[in-house]
Amino acid sequence: MDNQIDKSYSPHSIGKHIVPFELVFKKKDTVGHVLSKIRSEEKSWPNVEHIFVVDSEGKFIGAVEFETILISKGGEILENVII
């Protein structure tokens, strides 16, 4: 996902509210990887409640609450904390 918002959206359209940050992670990614990515993109990190988890083919398999990310051990695999 490109971290640039499309400037062609009209000022009051939903497009102006698109989050310019990738909220999708692979099921084998670790909590540590997710936190590292969030920290590296902290200026563009949205106020969200979940991240999304996909399989190796990019198919949605679940979500993880952001609070769970914060309290889990860095080596924990996302597929083990999916809600």
Protein backbone atom coordinates (compact mmCIF):
# COMPACT_ATOMS: atom_id res chain seq x y z
CA MET A 1 0.00 0.00 0.00
CA ASP A 2 1.36 3.37 -0.95
CA ASN A 3 1.71 5.72 2.02
CA GLN A 4 0.46 8.67 -0.01
CA ILE A 5 -3.19 9.74 0.09
CA ASP A 6 -4.69 10.29 -3.35
CA LYS A 7 -5.02 14.07 -3.68
CA SER A 8 -7.78 13.70 -6.29
CA TYR A 9 -10.49 13.01 -3.71
CA SER A 10 -12.87 15.88 -3.05
CA PRO A 11 -12.45 17.56 0.36
CA HIS A 12 -15.48 15.96 2.02
CA SER A 13 -15.30 12.47 0.49
CA ILE A 14 -14.41 9.22 2.22
CA GLY A 15 -11.21 9.15 0.20
CA LYS A 16 -9.81 12.00 2.28
CA HIS A 17 -10.13 9.78 5.35
CA ILE A 18 -8.22 6.80 3.99
CA VAL A 19 -5.53 5.69 6.40
CA PRO A 20 -2.15 5.85 4.64
CA PHE A 21 -0.76 2.90 6.60
CA GLU A 22 -0.80 -0.81 5.94
CA LEU A 23 -2.85 -2.50 8.66
CA VAL A 24 -2.50 -5.98 7.21
CA PHE A 25 0.08 -8.46 8.42
CA LYS A 26 0.82 -12.11 7.63
CA LYS A 27 -0.36 -14.79 10.06
CA LYS A 28 3.23 -15.93 10.71
CA ASP A 29 4.41 -12.37 11.50
CA THR A 30 5.36 -11.83 15.11
CA VAL A 31 4.02 -9.25 17.51
CA GLY A 32 7.54 -7.82 17.57
CA HIS A 33 7.44 -7.31 13.79
CA VAL A 34 4.08 -5.55 14.04
CA LEU A 35 5.29 -3.23 16.80
CA SER A 36 8.48 -2.49 14.86
CA LYS A 37 6.42 -1.54 11.79
CA ILE A 38 4.12 0.66 13.87
CA ARG A 39 7.08 2.40 15.51
CA SER A 40 8.74 3.04 12.14
CA GLU A 41 5.53 4.62 10.83
CA GLU A 42 4.45 6.33 14.05
CA LYS A 43 3.62 9.67 12.42
CA SER A 44 1.08 8.03 10.11
CA TRP A 45 -0.26 5.39 12.53
CA PRO A 46 -4.02 5.85 12.79
CA ASN A 47 -6.17 5.62 15.88
CA VAL A 48 -7.46 2.09 15.29
CA GLU A 49 -8.58 -0.81 17.40
CA HIS A 50 -7.48 -3.77 15.23
CA ILE A 51 -4.90 -4.92 12.75
CA PHE A 52 -5.86 -7.43 10.06
CA VAL A 53 -4.20 -10.80 9.47
CA VAL A 54 -3.96 -12.57 6.11
CA ASP A 55 -2.67 -15.93 4.94
CA SER A 56 0.15 -16.40 2.44
CA GLU A 57 -2.28 -15.74 -0.43
CA GLY A 58 -3.48 -12.45 1.05
CA LYS A 59 -6.85 -13.87 2.18
CA PHE A 60 -8.27 -12.34 5.36
CA ILE A 61 -8.22 -14.81 8.24
CA GLY A 62 -8.86 -12.62 11.25
CA ALA A 63 -8.11 -9.55 13.31
CA VAL A 64 -6.07 -8.80 16.39
CA GLU A 65 -7.03 -6.14 18.89
CA PHE A 66 -4.36 -3.46 19.22
CA GLU A 67 -4.41 -3.91 23.00
CA THR A 68 -3.49 -7.58 22.47
CA ILE A 69 -0.49 -6.51 20.39
CA LEU A 70 0.69 -4.23 23.17
CA ILE A 71 0.47 -6.86 25.93
CA SER A 72 1.75 -9.88 23.95
CA LYS A 73 5.35 -11.05 23.93
CA GLY A 74 7.37 -9.88 20.93
CA GLY A 75 7.92 -13.41 19.64
CA GLU A 76 4.22 -14.33 19.70
CA ILE A 77 2.90 -15.30 16.25
CA LEU A 78 -0.19 -13.40 15.10
CA GLU A 79 -2.15 -16.52 14.20
CA ASN A 80 -2.01 -17.43 17.90
CA VAL A 81 -3.66 -14.19 19.05
CA ILE A 82 -6.34 -13.77 16.35
CA ILE A 83 -9.82 -13.07 17.67
